[in-house]
């Protein structure tokens, strides 16, 4: 069975409550809601490692650009 969307679930609950008002039947008790799980925070170590890797990649890119520029200049000189 496909999972109902939150909106569809709520609509069904409200419809049942309205029907209960007109028929005099007590509305069925709503099921207990699931607790939302908190997302785990990223460890500082992971963040630091990412930052270091990013810096290193930037350095490599800069060096490659410099080398390409030098080669282009050298080729132009010839």
PDB file of N, CA and C in Angstrom:
ATOM      1  N   UNK A   1       0.832  -1.176   0.000  1.00  0.00           N
ATOM      2  CA  UNK A   1       0.000   0.000   0.000  1.00  0.00           C
ATOM      3  C   UNK A   1       0.886   1.252   0.000  1.00  0.00           C
ATOM      4  N   UNK A   2       0.534   2.195  -0.843  1.00  0.00           N
ATOM      5  CA  UNK A   2       1.318   3.428  -0.929  1.00  0.00           C
ATOM      6  C   UNK A   2       1.114   4.279   0.315  1.00  0.00           C
ATOM      7  N   UNK A   3       2.162   4.938   0.698  1.00  0.00           N
ATOM      8  CA  UNK A   3       2.094   5.794   1.888  1.00  0.00           C
ATOM      9  C   UNK A   3       1.313   7.054   1.553  1.00  0.00           C
ATOM     10  N   UNK A   4       0.376   7.421   2.433  1.00  0.00           N
ATOM     11  CA  UNK A   4      -0.416   8.627   2.208  1.00  0.00           C
ATOM     12  C   UNK A   4       0.416   9.851   2.509  1.00  0.00           C
ATOM     13  N   UNK A   5       0.103  10.926   1.806  1.00  0.00           N
ATOM     14  CA  UNK A   5       0.791  12.175   2.089  1.00  0.00           C
ATOM     15  C   UNK A   5       0.231  12.742   3.383  1.00  0.00           C
ATOM     16  N   UNK A   6       0.962  13.627   3.990  1.00  0.00           N
ATOM     17  CA  UNK A   6       0.528  14.238   5.253  1.00  0.00           C
ATOM     18  C   UNK A   6      -0.814  14.944   5.063  1.00  0.00           C
ATOM     19  N   UNK A   7      -0.958  15.603   3.927  1.00  0.00           N
ATOM     20  CA  UNK A   7      -2.182  16.337   3.642  1.00  0.00           C
ATOM     21  C   UNK A   7      -3.370  15.385   3.532  1.00  0.00           C
ATOM     22  N   UNK A   8      -3.167  14.257   2.840  1.00  0.00           N
ATOM     23  CA  UNK A   8      -4.242  13.274   2.680  1.00  0.00           C
ATOM     24  C   UNK A   8      -4.619  12.668   4.027  1.00  0.00           C
ATOM     25  N   UNK A   9      -3.607  12.407   4.863  1.00  0.00           N
ATOM     26  CA  UNK A   9      -3.875  11.856   6.202  1.00  0.00           C
ATOM     27  C   UNK A   9      -4.707  12.828   7.024  1.00  0.00           C
ATOM     28  N   UNK A  10      -4.297  14.086   6.992  1.00  0.00           N
ATOM     29  CA  UNK A  10      -4.992  15.115   7.783  1.00  0.00           C
ATOM     30  C   UNK A  10      -6.422  15.295   7.275  1.00  0.00           C
ATOM     31  N   UNK A  11      -6.597  15.275   5.961  1.00  0.00           N
ATOM     32  CA  UNK A  11      -7.934  15.425   5.376  1.00  0.00           C
ATOM     33  C   UNK A  11      -8.838  14.286   5.834  1.00  0.00           C
ATOM     34  N   UNK A  12      -8.300  13.072   5.859  1.00  0.00           N
ATOM     35  CA  UNK A  12      -9.070  11.912   6.294  1.00  0.00           C
ATOM     36  C   UNK A  12      -9.459  12.044   7.768  1.00  0.00           C
ATOM     37  N   UNK A  13      -8.520  12.536   8.590  1.00  0.00           N
ATOM     38  CA  UNK A  13      -8.810  12.734  10.019  1.00  0.00           C
ATOM     39  C   UNK A  13      -9.927  13.741  10.206  1.00  0.00           C
ATOM     40  N   UNK A  14      -9.842  14.865   9.494  1.00  0.00           N
ATOM     41  CA  UNK A  14     -10.849  15.919   9.617  1.00  0.00           C
ATOM     42  C   UNK A  14     -12.215  15.436   9.130  1.00  0.00           C
ATOM     43  N   UNK A  15     -12.202  14.679   8.046  1.00  0.00           N
ATOM     44  CA  UNK A  15     -13.448  14.141   7.501  1.00  0.00           C
ATOM     45  C   UNK A  15     -14.106  13.213   8.520  1.00  0.00           C
ATOM     46  N   UNK A  16     -13.315  12.371   9.147  1.00  0.00           N
ATOM     47  CA  UNK A  16     -13.829  11.452  10.166  1.00  0.00           C
ATOM     48  C   UNK A  16     -14.402  12.225  11.348  1.00  0.00           C
ATOM     49  N   UNK A  17     -13.730  13.326  11.724  1.00  0.00           N
ATOM     50  CA  UNK A  17     -14.204  14.143  12.845  1.00  0.00           C
ATOM     51  C   UNK A  17     -15.540  14.801  12.515  1.00  0.00           C
ATOM     52  N   UNK A  18     -15.671  15.318  11.281  1.00  0.00           N
ATOM     53  CA  UNK A  18     -16.926  15.968  10.858  1.00  0.00           C
ATOM     54  C   UNK A  18     -18.057  14.950  10.814  1.00  0.00           C
ATOM     55  N   UNK A  19     -17.787  13.778  10.273  1.00  0.00           N
ATOM     56  CA  UNK A  19     -18.806  12.711  10.211  1.00  0.00           C
ATOM     57  C   UNK A  19     -19.222  12.339  11.628  1.00  0.00           C
ATOM     58  N   UNK A  20     -18.246  12.293  12.519  1.00  0.00           N
ATOM     59  CA  UNK A  20     -18.536  11.975  13.919  1.00  0.00           C
ATOM     60  C   UNK A  20     -19.438  13.011  14.559  1.00  0.00           C
ATOM     61  N   UNK A  21     -19.270  14.275  14.208  1.00  0.00           N
ATOM     62  CA  UNK A  21     -20.107  15.348  14.763  1.00  0.00           C
ATOM     63  C   UNK A  21     -21.570  15.178  14.343  1.00  0.00           C
ATOM     64  N   UNK A  22     -21.772  14.837  13.072  1.00  0.00           N
ATOM     65  CA  UNK A  22     -23.139  14.707  12.576  1.00  0.00           C
ATOM     66  C   UNK A  22     -23.806  13.405  12.990  1.00  0.00           C
ATOM     67  N   UNK A  23     -23.068  12.340  13.114  1.00  0.00           N
ATOM     68  CA  UNK A  23     -23.661  11.055  13.462  1.00  0.00           C
ATOM     69  C   UNK A  23     -23.715  10.847  14.969  1.00  0.00           C
ATOM     70  N   UNK A  24     -22.952  11.640  15.692  1.00  0.00           N
ATOM     71  CA  UNK A  24     -22.948  11.501  17.144  1.00  0.00           C
ATOM     72  C   UNK A  24     -21.977  10.436  17.620  1.00  0.00           C
ATOM     73  N   UNK A  25     -21.321   9.782  16.694  1.00  0.00           N
ATOM     74  CA  UNK A  25     -20.340   8.759  17.070  1.00  0.00           C
ATOM     75  C   UNK A  25     -19.042   9.454  17.488  1.00  0.00           C
ATOM     76  N   UNK A  26     -18.403   8.931  18.503  1.00  0.00           N
ATOM     77  CA  UNK A  26     -17.146   9.560  18.910  1.00  0.00           C
ATOM     78  C   UNK A  26     -16.059   9.352  17.841  1.00  0.00           C
ATOM     79  N   UNK A  27     -15.278  10.362  17.634  1.00  0.00           N
ATOM     80  CA  UNK A  27     -14.208  10.284  16.631  1.00  0.00           C
ATOM     81  C   UNK A  27     -13.128   9.336  17.142  1.00  0.00           C
ATOM     82  N   UNK A  28     -12.585   8.517  16.253  1.00  0.00           N
ATOM     83  CA  UNK A  28     -11.526   7.599  16.689  1.00  0.00           C
ATOM     84  C   UNK A  28     -10.306   8.389  17.163  1.00  0.00           C
ATOM     85  N   UNK A  29      -9.649   7.855  18.169  1.00  0.00           N
ATOM     86  CA  UNK A  29      -8.471   8.540  18.705  1.00  0.00           C
ATOM     87  C   UNK A  29      -7.366   8.574  17.653  1.00  0.00           C
ATOM     88  N   UNK A  30      -6.736   9.714  17.532  1.00  0.00           N
ATOM     89  CA  UNK A  30      -5.662   9.868  16.555  1.00  0.00           C
ATOM     90  C   UNK A  30      -4.439   9.080  17.011  1.00  0.00           C
ATOM     91  N   UNK A  31      -3.777   8.403  16.085  1.00  0.00           N
ATOM     92  CA  UNK A  31      -2.583   7.642  16.473  1.00  0.00           C
ATOM     93  C   UNK A  31      -1.483   8.592  16.943  1.00  0.00           C
ATOM     94  N   UNK A  32      -0.651   8.105  17.830  1.00  0.00           N
ATOM     95  CA  UNK A  32       0.435   8.921  18.358  1.00  0.00           C
ATOM     96  C   UNK A  32       1.396   9.276  17.228  1.00  0.00           C
ATOM     97  N   UNK A  33       1.800  10.535  17.196  1.00  0.00           N
ATOM     98  CA  UNK A  33       2.698  10.973  16.136  1.00  0.00           C
ATOM     99  C   UNK A  33       4.117  10.508  16.442  1.00  0.00           C
ATOM    100  N   UNK A  34       4.840  10.189  15.366  1.00  0.00           N
ATOM    101  CA  UNK A  34       6.234   9.766  15.524  1.00  0.00           C
ATOM    102  C   UNK A  34       7.078  10.972  15.879  1.00  0.00           C
ATOM    103  N   UNK A  35       8.070  10.741  16.721  1.00  0.00           N
ATOM    104  CA  UNK A  35       8.985  11.830  17.076  1.00  0.00           C
ATOM    105  C   UNK A  35       9.934  12.060  15.916  1.00  0.00           C
ATOM    106  N   UNK A  36      10.182  13.324  15.621  1.00  0.00           N
ATOM    107  CA  UNK A  36      11.128  13.628  14.558  1.00  0.00           C
ATOM    108  C   UNK A  36      12.533  13.428  15.091  1.00  0.00           C
ATOM    109  N   UNK A  37      13.360  12.817  14.263  1.00  0.00           N
ATOM    110  CA  UNK A  37      14.748  12.596  14.677  1.00  0.00           C
ATOM    111  C   UNK A  37      15.585  13.803  14.290  1.00  0.00           C
ATOM    112  N   UNK A  38      16.413  14.225  15.213  1.00  0.00           N
ATOM    113  CA  UNK A  38      17.292  15.341  14.933  1.00  0.00           C
ATOM    114  C   UNK A  38      18.453  14.870  14.072  1.00  0.00           C
ATOM    115  N   UNK A  39      18.834  15.687  13.127  1.00  0.00           N
ATOM    116  CA  UNK A  39      19.976  15.318  12.298  1.00  0.00           C
ATOM    117  C   UNK A  39      21.239  15.460  13.131  1.00  0.00           C
ATOM    118  N   UNK A  40      22.125  14.525  12.968  1.00  0.00           N
ATOM    119  CA  UNK A  40      23.392  14.578  13.698  1.00  0.00           C
ATOM    120  C   UNK A  40      24.228  15.703  13.117  1.00  0.00           C
ATOM    121  N   UNK A  41      24.858  16.445  13.978  1.00  0.00           N
ATOM    122  CA  UNK A  41      25.694  17.546  13.515  1.00  0.00           C
ATOM    123  C   UNK A  41      27.010  16.974  12.989  1.00  0.00           C
ATOM    124  N   UNK A  42      27.522  17.616  11.960  1.00  0.00           N
ATOM    125  CA  UNK A  42      28.788  17.157  11.391  1.00  0.00           C
ATOM    126  C   UNK A  42      29.896  17.407  12.400  1.00  0.00           C
ATOM    127  N   UNK A  43      30.751  16.466  12.492  1.00  0.00           N
ATOM    128  CA  UNK A  43      31.871  16.591  13.423  1.00  0.00           C
ATOM    129  C   UNK A  43      32.810  17.695  12.952  1.00  0.00           C
ATOM    130  N   UNK A  44      33.401  18.374  13.908  1.00  0.00           N
ATOM    131  CA  UNK A  44      34.326  19.460  13.575  1.00  0.00           C
ATOM    132  C   UNK A  44      35.496  18.931  12.758  1.00  0.00           C
ATOM    133  N   UNK A  45      35.902  17.719  13.042  1.00  0.00           N
ATOM    134  CA  UNK A  45      37.037  17.110  12.338  1.00  0.00           C
ATOM    135  C   UNK A  45      36.713  16.976  10.848  1.00  0.00           C
ATOM    136  N   UNK A  46      35.501  16.545  10.556  1.00  0.00           N
ATOM    137  CA  UNK A  46      35.093  16.372   9.155  1.00  0.00           C
ATOM    138  C   UNK A  46      35.102  17.721   8.452  1.00  0.00           C
ATOM    139  N   UNK A  47      34.559  18.744   9.135  1.00  0.00           N
ATOM    140  CA  UNK A  47      34.520  20.083   8.540  1.00  0.00           C
ATOM    141  C   UNK A  47      35.931  20.592   8.278  1.00  0.00           C
ATOM    142  N   UNK A  48      36.818  20.399   9.252  1.00  0.00           N
ATOM    143  CA  UNK A  48      38.207  20.862   9.114  1.00  0.00           C
ATOM    144  C   UNK A  48      38.894  20.144   7.958  1.00  0.00           C
ATOM    145  N   UNK A  49      38.652  18.844   7.839  1.00  0.00           N
ATOM    146  CA  UNK A  49      39.269  18.059   6.767  1.00  0.00           C
ATOM    147  C   UNK A  49      38.790  18.550   5.406  1.00  0.00           C
ATOM    148  N   UNK A  50      37.496  18.848   5.318  1.00  0.00           N
ATOM    149  CA  UNK A  50      36.945  19.344   4.058  1.00  0.00           C
ATOM    150  C   UNK A  50      37.578  20.679   3.690  1.00  0.00           C
ATOM    151  N   UNK A  51      37.726  21.539   4.704  1.00  0.00           N
ATOM    152  CA  UNK A  51      38.301  22.865   4.476  1.00  0.00           C
ATOM    153  C   UNK A  51      39.731  22.740   3.968  1.00  0.00           C
ATOM    154  N   UNK A  52      40.504  21.850   4.598  1.00  0.00           N
ATOM    155  CA  UNK A  52      41.896  21.632   4.212  1.00  0.00           C
ATOM    156  C   UNK A  52      41.971  21.100   2.781  1.00  0.00           C
ATOM    157  N   UNK A  53      41.098  20.151   2.471  1.00  0.00           N
ATOM    158  CA  UNK A  53      41.086  19.567   1.125  1.00  0.00           C
ATOM    159  C   UNK A  53      40.744  20.631   0.088  1.00  0.00           C
ATOM    160  N   UNK A  54      39.819  21.501   0.439  1.00  0.00           N
ATOM    161  CA  UNK A  54      39.400  22.563  -0.470  1.00  0.00           C
ATOM    162  C   UNK A  54      40.563  23.521  -0.742  1.00  0.00           C
ATOM    163  N   UNK A  55      41.287  23.864   0.342  1.00  0.00           N
ATOM    164  CA  UNK A  55      42.434  24.761   0.199  1.00  0.00           C
ATOM    165  C   UNK A  55      43.506  24.133  -0.689  1.00  0.00           C
ATOM    166  N   UNK A  56      43.772  22.845  -0.472  1.00  0.00           N
ATOM    167  CA  UNK A  56      44.782  22.130  -1.246  1.00  0.00           C
ATOM    168  C   UNK A  56      44.398  22.105  -2.724  1.00  0.00           C
ATOM    169  N   UNK A  57      43.131  21.848  -2.986  1.00  0.00           N
ATOM    170  CA  UNK A  57      42.649  21.796  -4.373  1.00  0.00           C
ATOM    171  C   UNK A  57      42.819  23.160  -5.037  1.00  0.00           C
ATOM    172  N   UNK A  58      42.553  24.207  -4.260  1.00  0.00           N
ATOM    173  CA  UNK A  58      42.690  25.567  -4.771  1.00  0.00           C
ATOM    174  C   UNK A  58      44.149  25.860  -5.147  1.00  0.00           C
ATOM    175  N   UNK A  59      45.068  25.415  -4.280  1.00  0.00           N
ATOM    176  CA  UNK A  59      46.497  25.619  -4.519  1.00  0.00           C
ATOM    177  C   UNK A  59      46.931  24.907  -5.799  1.00  0.00           C
ATOM    178  N   UNK A  60      46.478  23.670  -5.960  1.00  0.00           N
ATOM    179  CA  UNK A  60      46.840  22.863  -7.132  1.00  0.00           C
ATOM    180  C   UNK A  60      46.328  23.543  -8.401  1.00  0.00           C
ATOM    181  N   UNK A  61      45.089  24.025  -8.333  1.00  0.00           N
ATOM    182  CA  UNK A  61      44.473  24.681  -9.485  1.00  0.00           C
ATOM    183  C   UNK A  61      45.267  25.942  -9.864  1.00  0.00           C
ATOM    184  N   UNK A  62      45.661  26.693  -8.831  1.00  0.00           N
ATOM    185  CA  UNK A  62      46.411  27.929  -9.057  1.00  0.00           C
ATOM    186  C   UNK A  62      47.771  27.626  -9.705  1.00  0.00           C
ATOM    187  N   UNK A  63      48.432  26.576  -9.192  1.00  0.00           N
ATOM    188  CA  UNK A  63      49.735  26.187  -9.715  1.00  0.00           C
ATOM    189  C   UNK A  63      49.616  25.743 -11.175  1.00  0.00           C
ATOM    190  N   UNK A  64      48.563  25.002 -11.480  1.00  0.00           N
ATOM    191  CA  UNK A  64      48.350  24.524 -12.848  1.00  0.00           C
ATOM    192  C   UNK A  64      48.126  25.699 -13.791  1.00  0.00           C
ATOM    193  N   UNK A  65      47.378  26.684 -13.317  1.00  0.00           N
ATOM    194  CA  UNK A  65      47.100  27.874 -14.114  1.00  0.00           C
ATOM    195  C   UNK A  65      48.406  28.624 -14.415  1.00  0.00           C
ATOM    196  N   UNK A  66      49.242  28.734 -13.385  1.00  0.00           N
ATOM    197  CA  UNK A  66      50.512  29.436 -13.496  1.00  0.00           C
ATOM    198  C   UNK A  66      51.409  28.741 -14.525  1.00  0.00           C
ATOM    199  N   UNK A  67      51.471  27.416 -14.445  1.00  0.00           N
ATOM    200  CA  UNK A  67      52.295  26.617 -15.357  1.00  0.00           C
ATOM    201  C   UNK A  67      51.803  26.790 -16.792  1.00  0.00           C
ATOM    202  N   UNK A  68      50.485  26.767 -16.959  1.00  0.00           N
ATOM    203  CA  UNK A  68      49.903  26.922 -18.301  1.00  0.00           C
ATOM    204  C   UNK A  68      50.242  28.296 -18.862  1.00  0.00           C
ATOM    205  N   UNK A  69      50.184  29.304 -18.005  1.00  0.00           N
ATOM    206  CA  UNK A  69      50.479  30.678 -18.421  1.00  0.00           C
ATOM    207  C   UNK A  69      51.946  30.793 -18.872  1.00  0.00           C
ATOM    208  N   UNK A  70      52.850  30.159 -18.076  1.00  0.00           N
ATOM    209  CA  UNK A  70      54.277  30.183 -18.397  1.00  0.00           C
ATOM    210  C   UNK A  70      54.534  29.508 -19.739  1.00  0.00           C
ATOM    211  N   UNK A  71      53.898  28.347 -19.939  1.00  0.00           N
ATOM    212  CA  UNK A  71      54.082  27.581 -21.187  1.00  0.00           C
ATOM    213  C   UNK A  71      53.588  28.399 -22.378  1.00  0.00           C
ATOM    214  N   UNK A  72      52.498  29.088 -22.211  1.00  0.00           N
ATOM    215  CA  UNK A  72      51.907  29.885 -23.278  1.00  0.00           C
ATOM    216  C   UNK A  72      52.870  31.046 -23.646  1.00  0.00           C
ATOM    217  N   UNK A  73      53.419  31.656 -22.594  1.00  0.00           N
ATOM    218  CA  UNK A  73      54.357  32.770 -22.770  1.00  0.00           C
ATOM    219  C   UNK A  73      55.616  32.292 -23.513  1.00  0.00           C
ATOM    220  N   UNK A  74      56.083  31.105 -23.116  1.00  0.00           N
ATOM    221  CA  UNK A  74      57.295  30.521 -23.702  1.00  0.00           C
ATOM    222  C   UNK A  74      57.054  30.210 -25.179  1.00  0.00           C
ATOM    223  N   UNK A  75      55.871  29.660 -25.467  1.00  0.00           N
ATOM    224  CA  UNK A  75      55.524  29.303 -26.850  1.00  0.00           C
ATOM    225  C   UNK A  75      55.420  30.552 -27.719  1.00  0.00           C
ATOM    226  N   UNK A  76      54.928  31.617 -27.149  1.00  0.00           N
ATOM    227  CA  UNK A  76      54.760  32.869 -27.868  1.00  0.00           C
ATOM    228  C   UNK A  76      56.122  33.484 -28.219  1.00  0.00           C
ATOM    229  N   UNK A  77      57.088  33.318 -27.284  1.00  0.00           N
ATOM    230  CA  UNK A  77      58.431  33.865 -27.445  1.00  0.00           C
ATOM    231  C   UNK A  77      59.145  33.247 -28.640  1.00  0.00           C
ATOM    232  N   UNK A  78      58.915  31.957 -28.860  1.00  0.00           N
ATOM    233  CA  UNK A  78      59.636  31.222 -29.915  1.00  0.00           C
ATOM    234  C   UNK A  78      59.317  31.682 -31.291  1.00  0.00           C
TER     235      UNK A  78
END
